[in-house]
Amino acid sequence: MIYIETSVALAHLLAEDRHPPAALWQRPLVSSRLLQYEVWTRIHARKLAPSHGDAVSALLAGIALLELAPPVLQRALEAFPVPVRTLDALHLASVVFLHSRDETVELATYDKRMLRAARALRIPTFTLP
């Protein structure tokens, strides 16, 4: 299973210079419900809802969204081995939660800070181009 972090979803939707391989979207995907809010916030900020709204909805429909349940939120309150931003802490706590349930999950992110934190937590990462 691949955990999709916001940078990957936005790179896909906004056709950035770097973008995930098409094969990624054929894998079982999971993310935090936070992904939905982050993606829509960026789409609305760029006034892209009319042109990208259907693509956003289709992307999100293909990803199982993990709720920000109390165990996830509690983990986000705890210290991380490296400094992390608030939303990154919530994503990382979601992956840690899945691992605590014996789920095999790799984190897909383009964010170097997230990669550093994931490696410090020994979270496997999905290699992106």
C-alpha atoms as a PDB file:
ATOM      1  CA  MET A   1       0.000   0.000   0.000  1.00  0.00           C
ATOM      2  CA  ILE A   2       1.238   3.506  -0.812  1.00  0.00           C
ATOM      3  CA  TYR A   3       0.555   6.498   1.443  1.00  0.00           C
ATOM      4  CA  ILE A   4       0.046   9.539  -0.779  1.00  0.00           C
ATOM      5  CA  GLU A   5       1.300  12.788   0.723  1.00  0.00           C
ATOM      6  CA  THR A   6      -0.019  16.098  -0.601  1.00  0.00           C
ATOM      7  CA  SER A   7       3.051  17.007  -2.663  1.00  0.00           C
ATOM      8  CA  VAL A   8       2.495  13.906  -4.820  1.00  0.00           C
ATOM      9  CA  ALA A   9      -1.211  14.573  -5.365  1.00  0.00           C
ATOM     10  CA  LEU A  10      -0.562  18.192  -6.311  1.00  0.00           C
ATOM     11  CA  ALA A  11       2.318  17.291  -8.629  1.00  0.00           C
ATOM     12  CA  HIS A  12      -0.029  14.901 -10.421  1.00  0.00           C
ATOM     13  CA  LEU A  13      -2.942  17.329 -10.621  1.00  0.00           C
ATOM     14  CA  LEU A  14      -0.940  20.401 -11.582  1.00  0.00           C
ATOM     15  CA  ALA A  15       1.377  18.738 -14.107  1.00  0.00           C
ATOM     16  CA  GLU A  16       4.496  19.974 -12.348  1.00  0.00           C
ATOM     17  CA  ASP A  17       8.009  19.299 -13.661  1.00  0.00           C
ATOM     18  CA  ARG A  18       8.172  16.217 -11.489  1.00  0.00           C
ATOM     19  CA  HIS A  19       5.217  13.916 -11.338  1.00  0.00           C
ATOM     20  CA  PRO A  20       4.534  10.400 -10.122  1.00  0.00           C
ATOM     21  CA  PRO A  21       4.578   7.510 -12.575  1.00  0.00           C
ATOM     22  CA  ALA A  22       1.232   6.399 -13.983  1.00  0.00           C
ATOM     23  CA  ALA A  23       1.749   2.951 -12.409  1.00  0.00           C
ATOM     24  CA  LEU A  24       1.530   4.501  -8.930  1.00  0.00           C
ATOM     25  CA  TRP A  25      -2.181   5.172  -9.388  1.00  0.00           C
ATOM     26  CA  GLN A  26      -2.797   1.467 -10.060  1.00  0.00           C
ATOM     27  CA  ARG A  27      -1.528   0.508  -6.595  1.00  0.00           C
ATOM     28  CA  PRO A  28      -3.659   0.447  -3.419  1.00  0.00           C
ATOM     29  CA  LEU A  29      -3.485   4.022  -2.111  1.00  0.00           C
ATOM     30  CA  VAL A  30      -4.161   5.538   1.280  1.00  0.00           C
ATOM     31  CA  SER A  31      -3.777   8.958   2.867  1.00  0.00           C
ATOM     32  CA  SER A  32      -5.063  11.027   5.718  1.00  0.00           C
ATOM     33  CA  ARG A  33      -8.383  12.843   5.315  1.00  0.00           C
ATOM     34  CA  LEU A  34      -6.077  15.858   5.598  1.00  0.00           C
ATOM     35  CA  LEU A  35      -5.108  15.280   1.956  1.00  0.00           C
ATOM     36  CA  GLN A  36      -8.606  16.215   0.840  1.00  0.00           C
ATOM     37  CA  TYR A  37      -8.434  19.566   2.634  1.00  0.00           C
ATOM     38  CA  GLU A  38      -4.903  20.381   1.538  1.00  0.00           C
ATOM     39  CA  VAL A  39      -5.565  19.610  -2.124  1.00  0.00           C
ATOM     40  CA  TRP A  40      -8.838  21.524  -2.319  1.00  0.00           C
ATOM     41  CA  THR A  41      -7.312  24.502  -0.490  1.00  0.00           C
ATOM     42  CA  ARG A  42      -4.493  24.729  -3.056  1.00  0.00           C
ATOM     43  CA  ILE A  43      -6.887  24.251  -5.990  1.00  0.00           C
ATOM     44  CA  HIS A  44      -9.196  26.990  -4.705  1.00  0.00           C
ATOM     45  CA  ALA A  45      -6.261  29.309  -3.920  1.00  0.00           C
ATOM     46  CA  ARG A  46      -5.187  29.057  -7.555  1.00  0.00           C
ATOM     47  CA  LYS A  47      -8.785  29.421  -8.762  1.00  0.00           C
ATOM     48  CA  LEU A  48      -8.514  26.096 -10.565  1.00  0.00           C
ATOM     49  CA  ALA A  49     -11.715  24.432  -9.349  1.00  0.00           C
ATOM     50  CA  PRO A  50     -13.541  24.945 -12.679  1.00  0.00           C
ATOM     51  CA  SER A  51     -10.736  23.362 -14.704  1.00  0.00           C
ATOM     52  CA  HIS A  52      -9.417  20.830 -12.182  1.00  0.00           C
ATOM     53  CA  GLY A  53     -12.409  19.989  -9.976  1.00  0.00           C
ATOM     54  CA  ASP A  54     -13.331  16.759 -11.743  1.00  0.00           C
ATOM     55  CA  ALA A  55      -9.700  15.577 -11.695  1.00  0.00           C
ATOM     56  CA  VAL A  56      -9.439  16.342  -7.967  1.00  0.00           C
ATOM     57  CA  SER A  57     -12.624  14.416  -7.229  1.00  0.00           C
ATOM     58  CA  ALA A  58     -11.452  11.444  -9.322  1.00  0.00           C
ATOM     59  CA  LEU A  59      -8.039  11.418  -7.653  1.00  0.00           C
ATOM     60  CA  LEU A  60      -9.489  11.530  -4.156  1.00  0.00           C
ATOM     61  CA  ALA A  61     -12.044   8.831  -5.001  1.00  0.00           C
ATOM     62  CA  GLY A  62      -9.156   6.444  -5.724  1.00  0.00           C
ATOM     63  CA  ILE A  63      -7.498   6.949  -2.351  1.00  0.00           C
ATOM     64  CA  ALA A  64      -8.701   5.399   0.918  1.00  0.00           C
ATOM     65  CA  LEU A  65      -8.821   8.269   3.398  1.00  0.00           C
ATOM     66  CA  LEU A  66      -7.854   7.632   6.999  1.00  0.00           C
ATOM     67  CA  GLU A  67      -9.760   9.756   9.486  1.00  0.00           C
ATOM     68  CA  LEU A  68      -7.880  11.898  11.970  1.00  0.00           C
ATOM     69  CA  ALA A  69      -8.891   9.596  14.818  1.00  0.00           C
ATOM     70  CA  PRO A  70      -7.733  10.154  18.413  1.00  0.00           C
ATOM     71  CA  PRO A  71      -4.744   7.734  18.171  1.00  0.00           C
ATOM     72  CA  VAL A  72      -3.465   9.586  15.087  1.00  0.00           C
ATOM     73  CA  LEU A  73      -3.942  12.972  16.699  1.00  0.00           C
ATOM     74  CA  GLN A  74      -2.273  11.766  19.908  1.00  0.00           C
ATOM     75  CA  ARG A  75       0.798  10.570  17.993  1.00  0.00           C
ATOM     76  CA  ALA A  76       1.027  13.922  16.220  1.00  0.00           C
ATOM     77  CA  LEU A  77       1.308  15.580  19.646  1.00  0.00           C
ATOM     78  CA  GLU A  78       4.373  13.542  20.518  1.00  0.00           C
ATOM     79  CA  ALA A  79       7.949  14.381  19.621  1.00  0.00           C
ATOM     80  CA  PHE A  80       9.411  13.391  16.279  1.00  0.00           C
ATOM     81  CA  PRO A  81      13.095  12.532  15.794  1.00  0.00           C
ATOM     82  CA  VAL A  82      13.520  15.593  13.547  1.00  0.00           C
ATOM     83  CA  PRO A  83      11.627  18.896  13.473  1.00  0.00           C
ATOM     84  CA  VAL A  84       8.381  18.659  11.475  1.00  0.00           C
ATOM     85  CA  ARG A  85       5.660  21.071  10.463  1.00  0.00           C
ATOM     86  CA  THR A  86       2.152  20.637  11.869  1.00  0.00           C
ATOM     87  CA  LEU A  87       0.494  19.110   8.794  1.00  0.00           C
ATOM     88  CA  ASP A  88       3.529  16.896   8.208  1.00  0.00           C
ATOM     89  CA  ALA A  89       3.183  15.623  11.774  1.00  0.00           C
ATOM     90  CA  LEU A  90      -0.404  14.632  11.028  1.00  0.00           C
ATOM     91  CA  HIS A  91       0.600  12.786   7.849  1.00  0.00           C
ATOM     92  CA  LEU A  92       3.483  11.038   9.600  1.00  0.00           C
ATOM     93  CA  ALA A  93       1.261  10.123  12.545  1.00  0.00           C
ATOM     94  CA  SER A  94      -1.197   8.584  10.073  1.00  0.00           C
ATOM     95  CA  VAL A  95       1.532   6.401   8.558  1.00  0.00           C
ATOM     96  CA  VAL A  96       2.791   5.418  12.023  1.00  0.00           C
ATOM     97  CA  PHE A  97      -0.793   4.489  12.953  1.00  0.00           C
ATOM     98  CA  LEU A  98      -1.110   2.246   9.898  1.00  0.00           C
ATOM     99  CA  HIS A  99       2.208   0.576  10.699  1.00  0.00           C
ATOM    100  CA  SER A 100       1.035  -0.015  14.274  1.00  0.00           C
ATOM    101  CA  ARG A 101      -1.866  -1.979  12.738  1.00  0.00           C
ATOM    102  CA  ASP A 102       0.641  -4.181  10.862  1.00  0.00           C
ATOM    103  CA  GLU A 103      -0.134  -2.547   7.529  1.00  0.00           C
ATOM    104  CA  THR A 104       2.723  -2.522   5.034  1.00  0.00           C
ATOM    105  CA  VAL A 105       2.811   1.076   3.865  1.00  0.00           C
ATOM    106  CA  GLU A 106       5.337   3.101   1.896  1.00  0.00           C
ATOM    107  CA  LEU A 107       5.258   6.896   1.987  1.00  0.00           C
ATOM    108  CA  ALA A 108       5.195   8.686  -1.370  1.00  0.00           C
ATOM    109  CA  THR A 109       6.309  12.309  -1.073  1.00  0.00           C
ATOM    110  CA  TYR A 110       8.346  14.898  -2.945  1.00  0.00           C
ATOM    111  CA  ASP A 111       8.883  16.914   0.234  1.00  0.00           C
ATOM    112  CA  LYS A 112      12.496  16.579   1.413  1.00  0.00           C
ATOM    113  CA  ARG A 113      11.571  17.393   5.025  1.00  0.00           C
ATOM    114  CA  MET A 114       8.955  14.638   4.994  1.00  0.00           C
ATOM    115  CA  LEU A 115      11.469  12.178   3.532  1.00  0.00           C
ATOM    116  CA  ARG A 116      13.992  13.047   6.246  1.00  0.00           C
ATOM    117  CA  ALA A 117      11.369  12.579   8.969  1.00  0.00           C
ATOM    118  CA  ALA A 118      10.124   9.308   7.457  1.00  0.00           C
ATOM    119  CA  ARG A 119      13.637   7.915   7.317  1.00  0.00           C
ATOM    120  CA  ALA A 120      14.243   8.967  10.927  1.00  0.00           C
ATOM    121  CA  LEU A 121      11.062   7.081  11.861  1.00  0.00           C
ATOM    122  CA  ARG A 122      12.144   4.098   9.716  1.00  0.00           C
ATOM    123  CA  ILE A 123       9.068   4.466   7.517  1.00  0.00           C
ATOM    124  CA  PRO A 124       9.661   2.875   4.120  1.00  0.00           C
ATOM    125  CA  THR A 125       9.451   5.318   1.228  1.00  0.00           C
ATOM    126  CA  PHE A 126       8.220   4.842  -2.309  1.00  0.00           C
ATOM    127  CA  THR A 127      10.824   5.931  -4.846  1.00  0.00           C
ATOM    128  CA  LEU A 128       9.531   8.701  -7.095  1.00  0.00           C
ATOM    129  CA  PRO A 129      11.210  10.104 -10.210  1.00  0.00           C
END
